[in-house]
Amino acid sequence: MFKKENRYMTKEIAENLPIEIAILLWDLIDNLTTEKDYLQILEINSIGLGVVEIVHKQEVPEYEARIYIQNDKIKDKLKIYVIDNVEYRTMMFSNEY
């Protein structure tokens, strides 16, 4: 699951998520050492002073990790789904699902 080919993002992601954050999210999924669920959940929260918390989760098998990065562009709380349907992988905001 989550091969590096055929990766897409919705127009909303392309227009509203900084590209460096999108690349980081793909890297988090790529570097996941446990078995990967078809649905990856990424919650992005600005916690102030240009610090952003990224919470990476999946349900089966259960997994959760947090990282903190410097980024002044993220101001709102964001929830992103990355879905693998075997043929392609799509990154989208949760409200687009």
PDB file of N, CA and C in Angstrom:
ATOM      1  N   MET A   1       0.818  -1.196   0.000  1.00  0.00           N
ATOM      2  CA  MET A   1       0.000   0.000   0.000  1.00  0.00           C
ATOM      3  C   MET A   1       0.860   1.256   0.000  1.00  0.00           C
ATOM      4  N   PHE A   2       0.309   2.310  -0.500  1.00  0.00           N
ATOM      5  CA  PHE A   2       0.947   3.617  -0.568  1.00  0.00           C
ATOM      6  C   PHE A   2       2.259   3.599  -1.337  1.00  0.00           C
ATOM      7  N   LYS A   3       2.168   3.081  -2.563  1.00  0.00           N
ATOM      8  CA  LYS A   3       3.317   3.149  -3.463  1.00  0.00           C
ATOM      9  C   LYS A   3       3.579   4.609  -3.805  1.00  0.00           C
ATOM     10  N   LYS A   4       4.747   4.881  -4.336  1.00  0.00           N
ATOM     11  CA  LYS A   4       5.117   6.262  -4.652  1.00  0.00           C
ATOM     12  C   LYS A   4       4.629   6.712  -6.022  1.00  0.00           C
ATOM     13  N   GLU A   5       3.995   5.826  -6.770  1.00  0.00           N
ATOM     14  CA  GLU A   5       3.452   6.204  -8.073  1.00  0.00           C
ATOM     15  C   GLU A   5       1.988   6.631  -7.919  1.00  0.00           C
ATOM     16  N   ASN A   6       1.514   7.353  -8.903  1.00  0.00           N
ATOM     17  CA  ASN A   6       0.106   7.740  -8.989  1.00  0.00           C
ATOM     18  C   ASN A   6      -0.403   8.423  -7.723  1.00  0.00           C
ATOM     19  N   ARG A   7       0.265   9.484  -7.345  1.00  0.00           N
ATOM     20  CA  ARG A   7      -0.140  10.264  -6.177  1.00  0.00           C
ATOM     21  C   ARG A   7      -0.794  11.553  -6.650  1.00  0.00           C
ATOM     22  N   TYR A   8      -1.932  11.843  -6.042  1.00  0.00           N
ATOM     23  CA  TYR A   8      -2.701  13.014  -6.441  1.00  0.00           C
ATOM     24  C   TYR A   8      -3.126  13.799  -5.218  1.00  0.00           C
ATOM     25  N   MET A   9      -3.462  15.055  -5.459  1.00  0.00           N
ATOM     26  CA  MET A   9      -4.054  15.885  -4.416  1.00  0.00           C
ATOM     27  C   MET A   9      -5.215  16.641  -5.045  1.00  0.00           C
ATOM     28  N   THR A  10      -6.203  16.919  -4.238  1.00  0.00           N
ATOM     29  CA  THR A  10      -7.348  17.669  -4.749  1.00  0.00           C
ATOM     30  C   THR A  10      -6.931  19.107  -5.031  1.00  0.00           C
ATOM     31  N   LYS A  11      -7.761  19.789  -5.768  1.00  0.00           N
ATOM     32  CA  LYS A  11      -7.510  21.188  -6.081  1.00  0.00           C
ATOM     33  C   LYS A  11      -7.445  22.024  -4.797  1.00  0.00           C
ATOM     34  N   GLU A  12      -8.297  21.710  -3.835  1.00  0.00           N
ATOM     35  CA  GLU A  12      -8.296  22.434  -2.555  1.00  0.00           C
ATOM     36  C   GLU A  12      -6.957  22.284  -1.826  1.00  0.00           C
ATOM     37  N   ILE A  13      -6.425  21.083  -1.799  1.00  0.00           N
ATOM     38  CA  ILE A  13      -5.113  20.847  -1.172  1.00  0.00           C
ATOM     39  C   ILE A  13      -4.045  21.631  -1.931  1.00  0.00           C
ATOM     40  N   ALA A  14      -4.049  21.523  -3.256  1.00  0.00           N
ATOM     41  CA  ALA A  14      -3.043  22.201  -4.080  1.00  0.00           C
ATOM     42  C   ALA A  14      -3.064  23.714  -3.864  1.00  0.00           C
ATOM     43  N   GLU A  15      -4.246  24.270  -3.673  1.00  0.00           N
ATOM     44  CA  GLU A  15      -4.369  25.718  -3.528  1.00  0.00           C
ATOM     45  C   GLU A  15      -4.187  26.220  -2.103  1.00  0.00           C
ATOM     46  N   ASN A  16      -4.435  25.377  -1.103  1.00  0.00           N
ATOM     47  CA  ASN A  16      -4.491  25.859   0.274  1.00  0.00           C
ATOM     48  C   ASN A  16      -3.485  25.249   1.246  1.00  0.00           C
ATOM     49  N   LEU A  17      -2.745  24.241   0.816  1.00  0.00           N
ATOM     50  CA  LEU A  17      -1.751  23.637   1.688  1.00  0.00           C
ATOM     51  C   LEU A  17      -0.370  23.924   1.106  1.00  0.00           C
ATOM     52  N   PRO A  18       0.515  24.535   1.888  1.00  0.00           N
ATOM     53  CA  PRO A  18       1.859  24.812   1.354  1.00  0.00           C
ATOM     54  C   PRO A  18       2.505  23.517   0.840  1.00  0.00           C
ATOM     55  N   ILE A  19       3.167  23.596  -0.296  1.00  0.00           N
ATOM     56  CA  ILE A  19       3.729  22.406  -0.944  1.00  0.00           C
ATOM     57  C   ILE A  19       4.728  21.698  -0.036  1.00  0.00           C
ATOM     58  N   GLU A  20       5.487  22.462   0.758  1.00  0.00           N
ATOM     59  CA  GLU A  20       6.459  21.810   1.648  1.00  0.00           C
ATOM     60  C   GLU A  20       5.768  20.961   2.719  1.00  0.00           C
ATOM     61  N   ILE A  21       4.559  21.373   3.113  1.00  0.00           N
ATOM     62  CA  ILE A  21       3.789  20.580   4.083  1.00  0.00           C
ATOM     63  C   ILE A  21       3.253  19.325   3.398  1.00  0.00           C
ATOM     64  N   ALA A  22       2.757  19.450   2.171  1.00  0.00           N
ATOM     65  CA  ALA A  22       2.262  18.282   1.430  1.00  0.00           C
ATOM     66  C   ALA A  22       3.372  17.251   1.256  1.00  0.00           C
ATOM     67  N   ILE A  23       4.572  17.706   0.910  1.00  0.00           N
ATOM     68  CA  ILE A  23       5.699  16.785   0.744  1.00  0.00           C
ATOM     69  C   ILE A  23       6.036  16.116   2.073  1.00  0.00           C
ATOM     70  N   LEU A  24       6.017  16.876   3.155  1.00  0.00           N
ATOM     71  CA  LEU A  24       6.281  16.312   4.475  1.00  0.00           C
ATOM     72  C   LEU A  24       5.248  15.241   4.832  1.00  0.00           C
ATOM     73  N   LEU A  25       3.979  15.484   4.523  1.00  0.00           N
ATOM     74  CA  LEU A  25       2.928  14.503   4.831  1.00  0.00           C
ATOM     75  C   LEU A  25       3.144  13.202   4.063  1.00  0.00           C
ATOM     76  N   TRP A  26       3.499  13.312   2.773  1.00  0.00           N
ATOM     77  CA  TRP A  26       3.813  12.104   1.997  1.00  0.00           C
ATOM     78  C   TRP A  26       4.998  11.373   2.622  1.00  0.00           C
ATOM     79  N   ASP A  27       6.007  12.125   3.069  1.00  0.00           N
ATOM     80  CA  ASP A  27       7.180  11.506   3.692  1.00  0.00           C
ATOM     81  C   ASP A  27       6.812  10.782   4.985  1.00  0.00           C
ATOM     82  N   LEU A  28       5.926  11.370   5.785  1.00  0.00           N
ATOM     83  CA  LEU A  28       5.489  10.706   7.011  1.00  0.00           C
ATOM     84  C   LEU A  28       4.852   9.356   6.692  1.00  0.00           C
ATOM     85  N   ILE A  29       4.041   9.331   5.659  1.00  0.00           N
ATOM     86  CA  ILE A  29       3.395   8.065   5.259  1.00  0.00           C
ATOM     87  C   ILE A  29       4.446   7.091   4.728  1.00  0.00           C
ATOM     88  N   ASP A  30       5.343   7.566   3.870  1.00  0.00           N
ATOM     89  CA  ASP A  30       6.389   6.700   3.299  1.00  0.00           C
ATOM     90  C   ASP A  30       7.258   6.067   4.379  1.00  0.00           C
ATOM     91  N   ASN A  31       7.555   6.820   5.427  1.00  0.00           N
ATOM     92  CA  ASN A  31       8.473   6.352   6.461  1.00  0.00           C
ATOM     93  C   ASN A  31       7.791   5.587   7.588  1.00  0.00           C
ATOM     94  N   LEU A  32       6.498   5.384   7.484  1.00  0.00           N
ATOM     95  CA  LEU A  32       5.768   4.607   8.486  1.00  0.00           C
ATOM     96  C   LEU A  32       6.254   3.162   8.435  1.00  0.00           C
ATOM     97  N   THR A  33       6.743   2.653   9.553  1.00  0.00           N
ATOM     98  CA  THR A  33       7.337   1.313   9.563  1.00  0.00           C
ATOM     99  C   THR A  33       6.322   0.213   9.876  1.00  0.00           C
ATOM    100  N   THR A  34       5.190   0.569  10.419  1.00  0.00           N
ATOM    101  CA  THR A  34       4.155  -0.418  10.690  1.00  0.00           C
ATOM    102  C   THR A  34       3.332  -0.647   9.415  1.00  0.00           C
ATOM    103  N   GLU A  35       2.507  -1.666   9.406  1.00  0.00           N
ATOM    104  CA  GLU A  35       1.614  -1.911   8.272  1.00  0.00           C
ATOM    105  C   GLU A  35       0.734  -0.688   8.058  1.00  0.00           C
ATOM    106  N   LYS A  36       0.532  -0.305   6.816  1.00  0.00           N
ATOM    107  CA  LYS A  36      -0.218   0.912   6.510  1.00  0.00           C
ATOM    108  C   LYS A  36      -1.676   0.592   6.204  1.00  0.00           C
ATOM    109  N   ASP A  37      -2.560   1.347   6.834  1.00  0.00           N
ATOM    110  CA  ASP A  37      -3.988   1.287   6.561  1.00  0.00           C
ATOM    111  C   ASP A  37      -4.254   2.055   5.259  1.00  0.00           C
ATOM    112  N   TYR A  38      -5.357   1.751   4.589  1.00  0.00           N
ATOM    113  CA  TYR A  38      -5.692   2.455   3.350  1.00  0.00           C
ATOM    114  C   TYR A  38      -6.008   3.926   3.605  1.00  0.00           C
ATOM    115  N   LEU A  39      -6.350   4.274   4.862  1.00  0.00           N
ATOM    116  CA  LEU A  39      -6.705   5.646   5.219  1.00  0.00           C
ATOM    117  C   LEU A  39      -5.702   6.178   6.236  1.00  0.00           C
ATOM    118  N   GLN A  40      -4.990   7.232   5.851  1.00  0.00           N
ATOM    119  CA  GLN A  40      -4.072   7.920   6.747  1.00  0.00           C
ATOM    120  C   GLN A  40      -4.711   9.254   7.117  1.00  0.00           C
ATOM    121  N   ILE A  41      -4.681   9.581   8.398  1.00  0.00           N
ATOM    122  CA  ILE A  41      -5.309  10.802   8.905  1.00  0.00           C
ATOM    123  C   ILE A  41      -4.202  11.703   9.436  1.00  0.00           C
ATOM    124  N   LEU A  42      -4.207  12.942   8.987  1.00  0.00           N
ATOM    125  CA  LEU A  42      -3.189  13.905   9.408  1.00  0.00           C
ATOM    126  C   LEU A  42      -3.891  15.171   9.900  1.00  0.00           C
ATOM    127  N   GLU A  43      -3.662  15.498  11.151  1.00  0.00           N
ATOM    128  CA  GLU A  43      -4.254  16.696  11.739  1.00  0.00           C
ATOM    129  C   GLU A  43      -3.141  17.710  11.944  1.00  0.00           C
ATOM    130  N   ILE A  44      -3.366  18.921  11.459  1.00  0.00           N
ATOM    131  CA  ILE A  44      -2.358  19.971  11.521  1.00  0.00           C
ATOM    132  C   ILE A  44      -2.913  21.110  12.366  1.00  0.00           C
ATOM    133  N   ASN A  45      -2.175  21.476  13.409  1.00  0.00           N
ATOM    134  CA  ASN A  45      -2.632  22.504  14.339  1.00  0.00           C
ATOM    135  C   ASN A  45      -1.536  23.532  14.561  1.00  0.00           C
ATOM    136  N   SER A  46      -1.868  24.794  14.364  1.00  0.00           N
ATOM    137  CA  SER A  46      -0.936  25.864  14.712  1.00  0.00           C
ATOM    138  C   SER A  46      -1.024  26.046  16.225  1.00  0.00           C
ATOM    139  N   ILE A  47       0.121  25.933  16.900  1.00  0.00           N
ATOM    140  CA  ILE A  47       0.093  26.068  18.361  1.00  0.00           C
ATOM    141  C   ILE A  47       0.755  27.362  18.828  1.00  0.00           C
ATOM    142  N   GLY A  48       1.056  28.256  17.884  1.00  0.00           N
ATOM    143  CA  GLY A  48       1.575  29.575  18.226  1.00  0.00           C
ATOM    144  C   GLY A  48       3.064  29.730  17.974  1.00  0.00           C
ATOM    145  N   LEU A  49       3.474  30.979  17.835  1.00  0.00           N
ATOM    146  CA  LEU A  49       4.872  31.344  17.603  1.00  0.00           C
ATOM    147  C   LEU A  49       5.477  30.631  16.401  1.00  0.00           C
ATOM    148  N   GLY A  50       4.655  30.376  15.378  1.00  0.00           N
ATOM    149  CA  GLY A  50       5.139  29.738  14.161  1.00  0.00           C
ATOM    150  C   GLY A  50       5.386  28.253  14.299  1.00  0.00           C
ATOM    151  N   VAL A  51       4.913  27.638  15.383  1.00  0.00           N
ATOM    152  CA  VAL A  51       5.080  26.200  15.597  1.00  0.00           C
ATOM    153  C   VAL A  51       3.792  25.491  15.207  1.00  0.00           C
ATOM    154  N   VAL A  52       3.952  24.413  14.444  1.00  0.00           N
ATOM    155  CA  VAL A  52       2.812  23.624  13.976  1.00  0.00           C
ATOM    156  C   VAL A  52       2.992  22.186  14.454  1.00  0.00           C
ATOM    157  N   GLU A  53       1.912  21.634  15.009  1.00  0.00           N
ATOM    158  CA  GLU A  53       1.892  20.235  15.423  1.00  0.00           C
ATOM    159  C   GLU A  53       1.215  19.428  14.319  1.00  0.00           C
ATOM    160  N   ILE A  54       1.830  18.317  13.926  1.00  0.00           N
ATOM    161  CA  ILE A  54       1.222  17.403  12.961  1.00  0.00           C
ATOM    162  C   ILE A  54       1.011  16.076  13.672  1.00  0.00           C
ATOM    163  N   VAL A  55      -0.258  15.638  13.708  1.00  0.00           N
ATOM    164  CA  VAL A  55      -0.606  14.358  14.314  1.00  0.00           C
ATOM    165  C   VAL A  55      -0.945  13.412  13.170  1.00  0.00           C
ATOM    166  N   HIS A  56      -0.199  12.314  13.088  1.00  0.00           N
ATOM    167  CA  HIS A  56      -0.388  11.312  12.024  1.00  0.00           C
ATOM    168  C   HIS A  56      -1.029  10.088  12.664  1.00  0.00           C
ATOM    169  N   LYS A  57      -2.197   9.673  12.129  1.00  0.00           N
ATOM    170  CA  LYS A  57      -2.934   8.546  12.704  1.00  0.00           C
ATOM    171  C   LYS A  57      -3.391   7.583  11.617  1.00  0.00           C
ATOM    172  N   GLN A  58      -3.648   6.365  12.063  1.00  0.00           N
ATOM    173  CA  GLN A  58      -4.383   5.390  11.263  1.00  0.00           C
ATOM    174  C   GLN A  58      -5.121   4.498  12.247  1.00  0.00           C
ATOM    175  N   GLU A  59      -6.161   3.816  11.744  1.00  0.00           N
ATOM    176  CA  GLU A  59      -6.996   3.010  12.630  1.00  0.00           C
ATOM    177  C   GLU A  59      -6.554   1.556  12.736  1.00  0.00           C
ATOM    178  N   VAL A  60      -6.176   0.928  11.598  1.00  0.00           N
ATOM    179  CA  VAL A  60      -5.841  -0.504  11.606  1.00  0.00           C
ATOM    180  C   VAL A  60      -4.545  -0.730  10.845  1.00  0.00           C
ATOM    181  N   PRO A  61      -3.476  -1.190  11.480  1.00  0.00           N
ATOM    182  CA  PRO A  61      -3.340  -1.272  12.930  1.00  0.00           C
ATOM    183  C   PRO A  61      -3.254   0.132  13.529  1.00  0.00           C
ATOM    184  N   GLU A  62      -3.667   0.245  14.765  1.00  0.00           N
ATOM    185  CA  GLU A  62      -3.711   1.548  15.404  1.00  0.00           C
ATOM    186  C   GLU A  62      -2.319   2.167  15.468  1.00  0.00           C
ATOM    187  N   TYR A  63      -2.248   3.445  15.111  1.00  0.00           N
ATOM    188  CA  TYR A  63      -0.976   4.166  15.103  1.00  0.00           C
ATOM    189  C   TYR A  63      -1.252   5.643  15.329  1.00  0.00           C
ATOM    190  N   GLU A  64      -0.376   6.286  16.090  1.00  0.00           N
ATOM    191  CA  GLU A  64      -0.438   7.738  16.261  1.00  0.00           C
ATOM    192  C   GLU A  64       0.951   8.258  16.583  1.00  0.00           C
ATOM    193  N   ALA A  65       1.342   9.324  15.901  1.00  0.00           N
ATOM    194  CA  ALA A  65       2.627   9.973  16.154  1.00  0.00           C
ATOM    195  C   ALA A  65       2.445  11.481  15.994  1.00  0.00           C
ATOM    196  N   ARG A  66       3.278  12.229  16.694  1.00  0.00           N
ATOM    197  CA  ARG A  66       3.234  13.689  16.630  1.00  0.00           C
ATOM    198  C   ARG A  66       4.617  14.218  16.279  1.00  0.00           C
ATOM    199  N   ILE A  67       4.628  15.230  15.428  1.00  0.00           N
ATOM    200  CA  ILE A  67       5.864  15.954  15.174  1.00  0.00           C
ATOM    201  C   ILE A  67       5.551  17.452  15.254  1.00  0.00           C
ATOM    202  N   TYR A  68       6.587  18.235  15.480  1.00  0.00           N
ATOM    203  CA  TYR A  68       6.448  19.682  15.574  1.00  0.00           C
ATOM    204  C   TYR A  68       7.430  20.313  14.602  1.00  0.00           C
ATOM    205  N   ILE A  69       6.923  21.285  13.844  1.00  0.00           N
ATOM    206  CA  ILE A  69       7.752  21.954  12.855  1.00  0.00           C
ATOM    207  C   ILE A  69       7.547  23.464  12.945  1.00  0.00           C
ATOM    208  N   GLN A  70       8.472  24.209  12.377  1.00  0.00           N
ATOM    209  CA  GLN A  70       8.333  25.657  12.241  1.00  0.00           C
ATOM    210  C   GLN A  70       7.630  25.936  10.920  1.00  0.00           C
ATOM    211  N   ASN A  71       6.553  26.699  10.969  1.00  0.00           N
ATOM    212  CA  ASN A  71       5.860  27.103   9.747  1.00  0.00           C
ATOM    213  C   ASN A  71       4.930  28.263  10.071  1.00  0.00           C
ATOM    214  N   ASP A  72       5.126  29.388   9.394  1.00  0.00           N
ATOM    215  CA  ASP A  72       4.302  30.572   9.631  1.00  0.00           C
ATOM    216  C   ASP A  72       3.073  30.626   8.736  1.00  0.00           C
ATOM    217  N   LYS A  73       2.973  29.726   7.752  1.00  0.00           N
ATOM    218  CA  LYS A  73       1.877  29.778   6.788  1.00  0.00           C
ATOM    219  C   LYS A  73       0.600  29.120   7.298  1.00  0.00           C
ATOM    220  N   ILE A  74       0.718  28.140   8.177  1.00  0.00           N
ATOM    221  CA  ILE A  74      -0.457  27.434   8.697  1.00  0.00           C
ATOM    222  C   ILE A  74      -1.018  28.231   9.863  1.00  0.00           C
ATOM    223  N   LYS A  75      -2.258  28.666   9.740  1.00  0.00           N
ATOM    224  CA  LYS A  75      -2.895  29.453  10.797  1.00  0.00           C
ATOM    225  C   LYS A  75      -4.113  28.734  11.387  1.00  0.00           C
ATOM    226  N   ASP A  76      -4.731  27.877  10.594  1.00  0.00           N
ATOM    227  CA  ASP A  76      -5.960  27.207  11.013  1.00  0.00           C
ATOM    228  C   ASP A  76      -5.699  25.746  11.335  1.00  0.00           C
ATOM    229  N   LYS A  77      -6.681  25.133  11.979  1.00  0.00           N
ATOM    230  CA  LYS A  77      -6.636  23.699  12.243  1.00  0.00           C
ATOM    231  C   LYS A  77      -7.089  22.987  10.967  1.00  0.00           C
ATOM    232  N   LEU A  78      -6.303  22.013  10.509  1.00  0.00           N
ATOM    233  CA  LEU A  78      -6.606  21.298   9.268  1.00  0.00           C
ATOM    234  C   LEU A  78      -6.650  19.801   9.541  1.00  0.00           C
ATOM    235  N   LYS A  79      -7.553  19.126   8.860  1.00  0.00           N
ATOM    236  CA  LYS A  79      -7.614  17.668   8.923  1.00  0.00           C
ATOM    237  C   LYS A  79      -7.547  17.152   7.494  1.00  0.00           C
ATOM    238  N   ILE A  80      -6.582  16.272   7.252  1.00  0.00           N
ATOM    239  CA  ILE A  80      -6.317  15.784   5.893  1.00  0.00           C
ATOM    240  C   ILE A  80      -6.407  14.267   5.887  1.00  0.00           C
ATOM    241  N   TYR A  81      -7.043  13.741   4.857  1.00  0.00           N
ATOM    242  CA  TYR A  81      -7.089  12.301   4.627  1.00  0.00           C
ATOM    243  C   TYR A  81      -6.223  11.990   3.415  1.00  0.00           C
ATOM    244  N   VAL A  82      -5.491  10.886   3.498  1.00  0.00           N
ATOM    245  CA  VAL A  82      -4.779  10.362   2.341  1.00  0.00           C
ATOM    246  C   VAL A  82      -5.292   8.942   2.166  1.00  0.00           C
ATOM    247  N   ILE A  83      -5.902   8.693   1.008  1.00  0.00           N
ATOM    248  CA  ILE A  83      -6.574   7.417   0.755  1.00  0.00           C
ATOM    249  C   ILE A  83      -5.867   6.663  -0.359  1.00  0.00           C
ATOM    250  N   ASP A  84      -5.621   5.387  -0.108  1.00  0.00           N
ATOM    251  CA  ASP A  84      -5.002   4.512  -1.102  1.00  0.00           C
ATOM    252  C   ASP A  84      -6.060   3.527  -1.582  1.00  0.00           C
ATOM    253  N   ASN A  85      -6.394   3.591  -2.855  1.00  0.00           N
ATOM    254  CA  ASN A  85      -7.378   2.643  -3.397  1.00  0.00           C
ATOM    255  C   ASN A  85      -6.702   1.612  -4.298  1.00  0.00           C
ATOM    256  N   VAL A  86      -5.423   1.386  -4.117  1.00  0.00           N
ATOM    257  CA  VAL A  86      -4.553   0.439  -4.825  1.00  0.00           C
ATOM    258  C   VAL A  86      -4.064   1.025  -6.146  1.00  0.00           C
ATOM    259  N   GLU A  87      -4.942   1.561  -6.985  1.00  0.00           N
ATOM    260  CA  GLU A  87      -4.522   2.145  -8.261  1.00  0.00           C
ATOM    261  C   GLU A  87      -3.851   3.501  -8.084  1.00  0.00           C
ATOM    262  N   TYR A  88      -4.336   4.308  -7.135  1.00  0.00           N
ATOM    263  CA  TYR A  88      -3.774   5.636  -6.909  1.00  0.00           C
ATOM    264  C   TYR A  88      -4.001   6.065  -5.468  1.00  0.00           C
ATOM    265  N   ARG A  89      -3.254   7.089  -5.063  1.00  0.00           N
ATOM    266  CA  ARG A  89      -3.330   7.640  -3.729  1.00  0.00           C
ATOM    267  C   ARG A  89      -3.758   9.100  -3.833  1.00  0.00           C
ATOM    268  N   THR A  90      -4.703   9.519  -2.999  1.00  0.00           N
ATOM    269  CA  THR A  90      -5.238  10.876  -3.080  1.00  0.00           C
ATOM    270  C   THR A  90      -5.185  11.566  -1.727  1.00  0.00           C
ATOM    271  N   MET A  91      -4.650  12.794  -1.724  1.00  0.00           N
ATOM    272  CA  MET A  91      -4.627  13.632  -0.533  1.00  0.00           C
ATOM    273  C   MET A  91      -5.762  14.647  -0.649  1.00  0.00           C
ATOM    274  N   MET A  92      -6.569  14.744   0.419  1.00  0.00           N
ATOM    275  CA  MET A  92      -7.720  15.660   0.409  1.00  0.00           C
ATOM    276  C   MET A  92      -8.004  16.161   1.813  1.00  0.00           C
ATOM    277  N   PHE A  93      -8.676  17.294   1.898  1.00  0.00           N
ATOM    278  CA  PHE A  93      -9.162  17.755   3.187  1.00  0.00           C
ATOM    279  C   PHE A  93     -10.318  16.859   3.605  1.00  0.00           C
ATOM    280  N   SER A  94     -10.488  16.674   4.913  1.00  0.00           N
ATOM    281  CA  SER A  94     -11.527  15.772   5.408  1.00  0.00           C
ATOM    282  C   SER A  94     -12.922  16.162   4.929  1.00  0.00           C
ATOM    283  N   ASN A  95     -13.172  17.451   4.759  1.00  0.00           N
ATOM    284  CA  ASN A  95     -14.509  17.880   4.304  1.00  0.00           C
ATOM    285  C   ASN A  95     -14.757  17.585   2.831  1.00  0.00           C
ATOM    286  N   GLU A  96     -13.735  17.128   2.101  1.00  0.00           N
ATOM    287  CA  GLU A  96     -13.901  16.773   0.685  1.00  0.00           C
ATOM    288  C   GLU A  96     -14.250  15.288   0.512  1.00  0.00           C
ATOM    289  N   TYR A  97     -14.170  14.539   1.588  1.00  0.00           N
ATOM    290  CA  TYR A  97     -14.389  13.093   1.517  1.00  0.00           C
ATOM    291  C   TYR A  97     -15.854  12.764   1.374  1.00  0.00           C
TER     292      TYR A  97
END
